[in-house]
Protein backbone atom coordinates (compact mmCIF):
# COMPACT_ATOMS: atom_id res chain seq x y z
CA MET A 1 80.00 76.15 86.76
CA GLN A 2 81.06 72.52 86.64
CA ASN A 3 84.54 71.20 87.30
CA ASN A 4 84.42 68.52 84.59
CA GLU A 5 84.32 70.86 81.59
CA ALA A 6 87.37 70.52 79.33
CA LEU A 7 89.42 73.56 78.39
CA PRO A 8 89.36 74.70 74.76
CA PRO A 9 92.38 73.21 72.91
CA ASP A 10 94.02 76.60 72.28
CA LEU A 11 93.81 77.72 75.93
CA ILE A 12 96.04 76.63 78.79
CA ILE A 13 95.41 77.61 82.42
CA GLU A 14 98.26 76.76 84.77
CA PRO A 15 100.24 78.06 87.75
CA LEU A 16 102.93 80.61 86.94
CA MET A 17 106.22 78.87 86.04
CA LEU A 18 109.70 79.87 84.98
CA LYS A 19 108.95 79.11 81.32
CA HIS A 20 106.34 81.89 81.25
CA LEU A 21 109.00 84.59 81.70
CA SER A 22 110.37 83.89 78.24
CA MET A 23 106.88 84.35 76.78
CA LEU A 24 106.81 87.89 78.18
CA GLY A 25 110.32 88.75 77.07
CA SER A 26 109.63 87.76 73.46
CA ASN A 27 106.82 90.21 72.79
CA ASN A 28 105.64 93.74 73.58
CA ASN A 29 104.56 92.74 77.09
CA SER A 30 108.07 92.75 78.55
CA LYS A 31 106.91 95.45 81.01
CA TYR A 32 105.20 92.64 82.94
CA LEU A 33 108.49 90.76 83.31
CA GLY A 34 109.38 92.39 86.64
CA ILE A 35 105.89 91.75 88.03
CA PHE A 36 106.02 88.07 87.09
CA GLN A 37 109.52 87.67 88.52
CA ILE A 38 108.23 88.89 91.88
CA LEU A 39 105.15 86.66 91.63
CA LEU A 40 107.35 83.68 90.79
CA CYS A 41 109.43 84.28 93.93
CA LYS A 42 106.23 84.47 95.95
CA LYS A 43 105.13 81.19 94.40
CA TRP A 44 108.28 79.46 95.59
CA PHE A 45 107.80 80.83 99.10
CA SER A 46 104.15 79.77 98.96
CA SER A 47 105.19 76.22 98.07
CA LEU A 48 107.48 76.17 101.09
CA GLU A 49 104.68 77.47 103.31
CA SER A 50 102.33 74.76 102.03
CA SER A 51 104.76 72.03 103.03
CA LEU A 52 105.42 73.57 106.45
CA THR A 53 101.95 74.82 107.35
CA ASP A 54 102.37 74.10 111.06
CA LEU A 55 105.67 75.99 111.25
CA ILE A 56 105.39 78.88 108.77
CA PRO A 57 102.33 81.18 108.47
CA THR A 58 100.69 81.34 105.04
CA ARG A 59 101.40 84.79 103.57
CA ASN A 60 102.35 84.57 99.89
CA SER A 61 100.10 84.75 96.85
CA LYS A 62 99.71 82.25 94.03
CA CYS A 63 99.43 83.27 90.39
CA PHE A 64 97.60 81.45 87.60
CA VAL A 65 98.06 82.40 83.96
CA ALA A 66 95.97 81.97 80.82
CA VAL A 67 98.14 81.07 77.82
CA GLU A 68 96.92 81.18 74.23
CA ARG A 69 99.30 80.11 71.44
CA ASN A 70 102.36 80.66 73.63
CA ASN A 71 101.24 84.11 74.69
CA ILE A 72 100.13 85.02 78.21
CA ILE A 73 96.86 86.88 77.77
CA ALA A 74 95.63 87.09 81.37
CA TYR A 75 96.45 86.14 84.94
CA ILE A 76 94.74 85.96 88.30
CA LEU A 77 96.09 86.19 91.86
CA VAL A 78 94.97 84.20 94.88
CA SER A 79 96.11 85.45 98.30
CA PRO A 80 95.65 84.12 101.85
CA ILE A 81 93.37 86.14 104.13
CA ASN A 82 94.75 84.66 107.34
CA ARG A 83 97.99 83.05 108.48
CA ARG A 84 96.43 79.58 108.66
CA GLY A 85 95.43 79.69 105.00
CA THR A 86 91.82 78.72 105.72
CA CYS A 87 90.50 81.54 103.51
CA TRP A 88 91.94 82.97 100.28
CA SER A 89 90.88 85.98 98.22
CA ILE A 90 90.68 85.75 94.44
CA SER A 91 91.51 88.86 92.43
CA GLU A 92 89.73 90.00 89.33
CA PRO A 93 91.64 88.94 86.21
CA TYR A 94 94.45 91.10 84.87
CA PHE A 95 94.31 91.18 81.07
CA ILE A 96 97.67 91.58 79.36
CA GLU A 97 96.33 91.48 75.81
CA GLU A 98 93.15 90.60 74.00
CA SER A 99 92.54 86.97 73.15
CA ILE A 100 92.21 85.86 69.56
CA SER A 101 89.51 83.26 70.25
CA PHE A 102 88.07 83.85 73.74
CA SER A 103 86.05 86.58 75.38
CA ARG A 104 86.98 87.99 78.77
CA TYR A 105 83.88 86.24 80.08
CA ASN A 106 85.26 82.86 78.96
CA LEU A 107 88.70 83.63 80.36
CA LEU A 108 87.37 84.50 83.80
CA GLN A 109 85.24 81.33 83.79
CA ASN A 110 88.24 79.14 83.04
CA LEU A 111 90.58 80.93 85.45
CA LEU A 112 88.04 80.53 88.26
CA ARG A 113 87.46 76.88 87.43
CA ASN A 114 91.18 76.22 87.66
CA VAL A 115 91.52 77.96 91.04
CA LEU A 116 88.46 76.30 92.58
CA TYR A 117 88.81 72.77 91.26
CA GLU A 118 92.31 72.12 89.95
CA SER A 119 94.73 74.13 92.10
CA ASN A 120 96.44 72.61 95.10
CA ILE A 121 95.22 75.33 97.47
CA ASN A 122 94.17 73.51 100.61
CA THR A 123 91.59 75.90 102.03
CA GLN A 124 88.07 76.05 103.45
CA SER A 125 86.86 79.30 101.86
CA PHE A 126 87.33 81.84 99.10
CA LEU A 127 86.45 85.54 98.90
CA VAL A 128 86.16 87.76 95.85
CA SER A 129 85.28 91.43 95.48
CA ILE A 130 83.47 92.76 92.39
CA ASN A 131 82.30 96.24 91.44
CA THR A 132 78.54 96.55 91.95
CA ASN A 133 78.09 97.71 88.35
CA ASP A 134 80.04 94.83 86.81
CA ASN A 135 77.04 92.64 86.05
CA GLN A 136 78.95 90.27 83.77
CA ASN A 137 81.63 89.35 86.32
CA LEU A 138 79.04 89.20 89.10
CA SER A 139 77.09 86.68 87.03
CA ILE A 140 80.17 84.49 86.55
CA ILE A 141 81.07 84.66 90.23
CA ARG A 142 77.53 83.72 91.31
CA GLN A 143 77.50 80.79 88.86
CA SER A 144 80.69 79.59 90.58
CA GLY A 145 78.85 79.19 93.89
CA PHE A 146 79.75 82.51 95.54
CA GLN A 147 77.14 84.24 97.69
CA PRO A 148 77.01 87.99 98.48
CA LEU A 149 78.10 88.91 102.00
CA ARG A 150 78.08 92.70 102.04
CA ILE A 151 78.57 95.87 100.01
CA ILE A 152 81.69 97.92 100.70
CA LYS A 153 82.04 101.65 100.04
CA TYR A 154 85.49 103.00 99.16
CA TRP A 155 86.11 106.60 100.21
CA SER A 156 88.80 109.03 99.08
CA LYS A 157 89.57 112.49 100.42
CA LYS A 158 88.49 115.23 98.01
CA ASP A 159 91.45 117.04 96.51
CA ASN A 160 92.20 120.67 97.35
CA ILE A 161 89.49 120.85 99.99
CA LYS A 162 90.49 122.61 103.17
CA ASN A 163 88.85 121.67 106.42
CA ASN A 164 87.40 124.88 107.82
CA LYS A 165 85.56 123.23 110.67
CA LYS A 166 86.77 124.21 114.08
CA GLU A 167 88.07 121.18 115.90
CA GLU A 168 86.48 120.67 119.27
CA LYS A 169 88.57 119.59 122.19
CA VAL A 170 87.80 115.94 122.85
CA ASN A 171 89.24 113.45 125.25
CA PHE A 172 90.45 110.65 123.02
CA THR A 173 93.79 109.18 122.06
CA TRP A 174 95.11 107.53 118.90
CA GLU A 175 97.10 104.36 119.45
CA LYS A 176 98.90 102.28 116.84
CA LEU A 177 97.91 98.64 116.58
CA ASN A 178 99.51 96.41 119.18
CA GLU A 179 98.71 92.94 120.44
CA GLU A 180 96.33 94.20 123.13
CA ASN A 181 94.21 96.64 121.14
CA SER A 182 94.19 94.27 118.13
CA GLN A 183 92.27 91.83 120.29
CA GLU A 184 89.81 94.55 121.33
CA ILE A 185 89.14 95.76 117.78
CA TRP A 186 88.87 92.14 116.59
CA ARG A 187 85.98 91.67 119.04
CA PHE A 188 84.19 94.57 117.30
CA GLU A 189 84.60 92.74 114.01
CA GLN A 190 83.32 89.47 115.46
CA ALA A 191 80.26 91.15 116.98
CA ARG A 192 79.42 92.95 113.75
CA GLU A 193 79.68 90.06 111.29
CA SER A 194 77.24 87.25 110.69
CA ILE A 195 78.05 83.66 111.61
CA ILE A 196 78.33 82.87 107.90
CA PHE A 197 80.82 85.65 107.28
CA ARG A 198 82.93 84.81 110.33
CA SER A 199 83.12 81.16 109.31
CA ILE A 200 84.22 82.10 105.80
CA PHE A 201 87.03 84.60 106.36
CA ASP A 202 88.10 83.12 109.72
CA ARG A 203 90.24 86.11 110.73
CA GLN A 204 91.79 86.12 114.21
CA TRP A 205 93.22 89.08 116.13
CA HIS A 206 96.81 88.23 115.21
CA ASP A 207 95.87 88.41 111.50
CA ILE A 208 94.88 92.05 112.06
CA PHE A 209 98.03 92.75 114.07
CA GLU A 210 100.44 91.15 111.58
CA LYS A 211 99.07 93.18 108.64
CA ARG A 212 99.29 96.51 110.46
CA ASN A 213 100.95 99.48 108.79
CA SER A 214 101.81 103.10 109.57
CA LEU A 215 98.17 104.21 109.19
CA THR A 216 96.38 101.52 111.21
CA GLY A 217 95.40 102.04 114.83
CA VAL A 218 92.56 102.54 117.29
CA ILE A 219 90.71 105.45 118.86
CA LYS A 220 90.59 105.24 122.64
CA SER A 221 88.24 107.12 124.94
CA SER A 222 89.27 108.97 128.09
CA GLU A 223 88.39 105.78 129.97
CA ASN A 224 91.12 104.02 127.90
CA LYS A 225 88.58 101.90 126.01
CA VAL A 226 88.73 101.24 122.29
CA ILE A 227 85.74 102.83 120.53
CA ALA A 228 86.79 102.64 116.86
CA GLY A 229 89.75 101.90 114.63
CA LEU A 230 91.36 101.77 111.22
CA ILE A 231 92.40 98.20 110.49
CA PRO A 232 93.78 96.26 107.49
CA SER A 233 91.14 95.44 104.90
CA ILE A 234 89.93 91.85 104.60
CA CYS A 235 90.02 91.97 100.81
CA PRO A 236 92.01 95.10 99.85
CA GLN A 237 91.55 96.62 96.41
CA TYR A 238 94.09 99.42 96.73
CA ASN A 239 97.67 99.59 98.01
CA PHE A 240 96.59 101.53 101.09
CA SER A 241 93.03 100.53 101.88
CA LEU A 242 91.90 100.74 105.51
CA GLU A 243 88.67 99.54 107.05
CA LEU A 244 86.94 101.93 109.45
CA ILE A 245 85.27 99.90 112.19
CA ARG A 246 83.41 100.69 115.43
CA GLY A 247 81.47 98.99 118.18
CA LEU A 248 77.83 98.05 117.69
CA ALA A 249 76.60 100.70 120.12
CA TRP A 250 77.01 104.19 118.72
CA ASP A 251 79.32 106.49 120.72
CA GLU A 252 78.60 110.19 120.14
CA ARG A 253 82.27 111.02 120.71
CA LEU A 254 83.02 109.44 117.32
CA ASN A 255 81.40 112.45 115.63
CA ASN A 256 84.49 114.43 116.61
CA SER A 257 87.21 111.84 117.12
CA ILE A 258 86.93 110.19 113.70
CA PRO A 259 87.11 113.44 111.64
CA GLN A 260 90.04 114.68 113.68
CA ARG A 261 91.93 111.45 113.13
CA ILE A 262 91.30 111.02 109.40
CA ASN A 263 91.93 114.73 108.73
CA ASN A 264 95.24 114.57 110.60
CA ILE A 265 96.57 111.89 108.24
CA LYS A 266 95.08 113.23 105.01
CA ASN A 267 98.36 114.95 104.11
CA SER A 268 100.21 111.66 104.00
CA LYS A 269 102.34 111.26 100.88
CA LYS A 270 100.72 107.90 100.30
CA LYS A 271 97.26 107.93 98.73
CA TYR A 272 94.97 105.89 100.94
CA TYR A 273 91.31 104.91 100.99
CA ILE A 274 88.83 104.15 103.73
CA GLU A 275 86.34 101.29 103.57
CA THR A 276 82.94 101.23 105.26
CA THR A 277 79.98 98.90 104.96
CA SER A 278 77.05 100.33 103.01
CA GLU A 279 74.73 99.72 105.98
CA ASP A 280 76.68 101.81 108.48
CA ASN A 281 74.89 105.10 107.94
CA LYS A 282 76.60 106.76 110.92
CA LEU A 283 80.15 106.27 109.63
CA ASN A 284 79.15 107.04 106.05
CA GLU A 285 77.57 110.32 107.15
CA ILE A 286 80.71 111.33 109.05
CA LEU A 287 82.91 110.74 106.01
CA HIS A 288 80.50 112.52 103.67
CA ASN A 289 80.29 115.56 105.97
CA ASN A 290 84.07 115.80 106.15
CA ASN A 291 84.77 116.09 102.42
CA TRP A 292 85.31 112.44 101.63
CA GLU A 293 83.71 111.02 98.51
CA ILE A 294 82.72 107.53 97.39
CA ILE A 295 84.87 106.41 94.48
CA GLU A 296 83.57 102.87 94.21
CA GLU A 297 81.15 100.34 95.66
CA ARG A 298 81.98 96.64 95.55
CA VAL A 299 80.18 93.44 96.49
CA LEU A 300 82.14 91.06 98.69
CA LEU A 301 81.18 87.46 97.92
CA GLY A 302 82.19 84.23 99.63
CA ARG A 303 82.28 80.53 98.89
CA SER A 304 82.76 77.89 101.59
CA ILE A 305 84.28 74.46 101.20
CA TRP A 306 84.25 72.09 104.15
CA LYS A 307 86.46 69.05 104.62
CA ARG A 308 84.55 65.93 105.54
CA GLN A 309 85.72 64.27 108.74
CA THR A 310 85.60 60.81 107.18
CA GLY A 311 87.87 61.55 104.27
CA HIS A 312 89.94 64.03 102.34
CA LYS A 313 87.33 64.98 99.77
CA LEU A 314 86.11 68.58 99.71
CA LYS A 315 82.41 69.24 99.48
CA SER A 316 80.76 72.54 98.62
CA ILE A 317 77.95 73.81 100.82
CA GLU A 318 74.66 73.63 99.00
CA ASN A 319 73.77 77.04 97.56
CA GLU A 320 70.21 76.75 98.84
CA LEU A 321 71.38 76.34 102.44
CA LEU A 322 73.66 79.37 102.29
CA THR A 323 71.02 81.46 100.56
CA ASN A 324 68.47 80.59 103.24
CA LEU A 325 70.90 81.45 106.02
CA VAL A 326 71.71 84.80 104.44
CA GLY A 327 68.01 85.48 103.96
CA ASN A 328 67.28 84.72 107.60
CA LEU A 329 70.02 87.05 108.75
CA GLN A 330 68.63 89.83 106.57
CA GLN A 331 65.31 89.54 108.39
CA GLN A 332 66.88 90.08 111.82
CA GLN A 333 66.29 93.48 113.33
CA GLN A 334 69.67 95.19 113.47
CA PRO A 335 68.95 98.87 112.83
CA GLU A 336 72.52 100.12 112.81
CA LEU A 337 74.64 97.32 111.39
CA PRO A 338 72.76 94.56 109.53
CA SER A 339 75.13 91.75 108.74
CA THR A 340 74.37 91.18 105.09
CA ILE A 341 73.43 93.00 101.93
CA GLN A 342 69.92 94.31 101.62
CA SER A 343 68.12 93.09 98.55
CA GLY A 344 68.23 95.51 95.64
CA GLU A 345 70.74 97.87 97.25
CA LYS A 346 73.31 99.47 94.96
């Protein structure tokens, strides 16, 4: 995808503005009015954050809309991954109505082009998550310079399944995320991920801590050491999506401590999901054996942009270099937790 391609005359891609609210109120899509009002408020806060980057952490999303003949037909959200705003996640497009002249393929192409080349987002990296079966969107994303980083499994507790397994007495404790244990679990994340991945999403321990919720926390052993945890997702796809993470060395106590923890919160009124990497067979087996089921698999892709020290121009990393680096990492012998996607894996 090139950044010098002109938009079709009947299509406008631009940041969400006040004028767009009247477009929603004048047709059958008024149900989106409340959503866009909230997004517009977030845009104003985001503009303030951009001007005061050193004083205010970057937290609010930006929205870009596709307008055809004075009708909003689609929009896309871009959200910061970390408080410094060095990495942003791009959502899949939300389609409000079908276009008269453009396919969804064309709309996604133009929305992406606007975010990557024409927006004022001052960042080093972008992430996007796509369903593994969505070949069309995957093709567009890859053409835009994104490279696959890993496959994520999304697990949901099976409905109306009672846990008849007898819980064994184990010496572990559950502790909500705090500043201390956030640093410990962050080290697990750093050890697990490849250099490429770490440089792209650039998440620090305080990013994990600040996005904590009522379900996040860590499992501690009797020696008071963190051995696993449920932490905020890097690129969440659901309202309550938690990433299950552990240390590189397998701890047999997790066979009992993880099921006891996730089964104790399964009756929460809020529907939540657990994320694991496709390569972590140990964690995936535990979830499968405890009546959790995979509802979706998604590819997490990244694109890096580095600022040249001699100027303010942004330059994309050559695709060949990133591909070679990912290929080299795939060849490393990491039996439990390889860092990147295995070729051909679904």
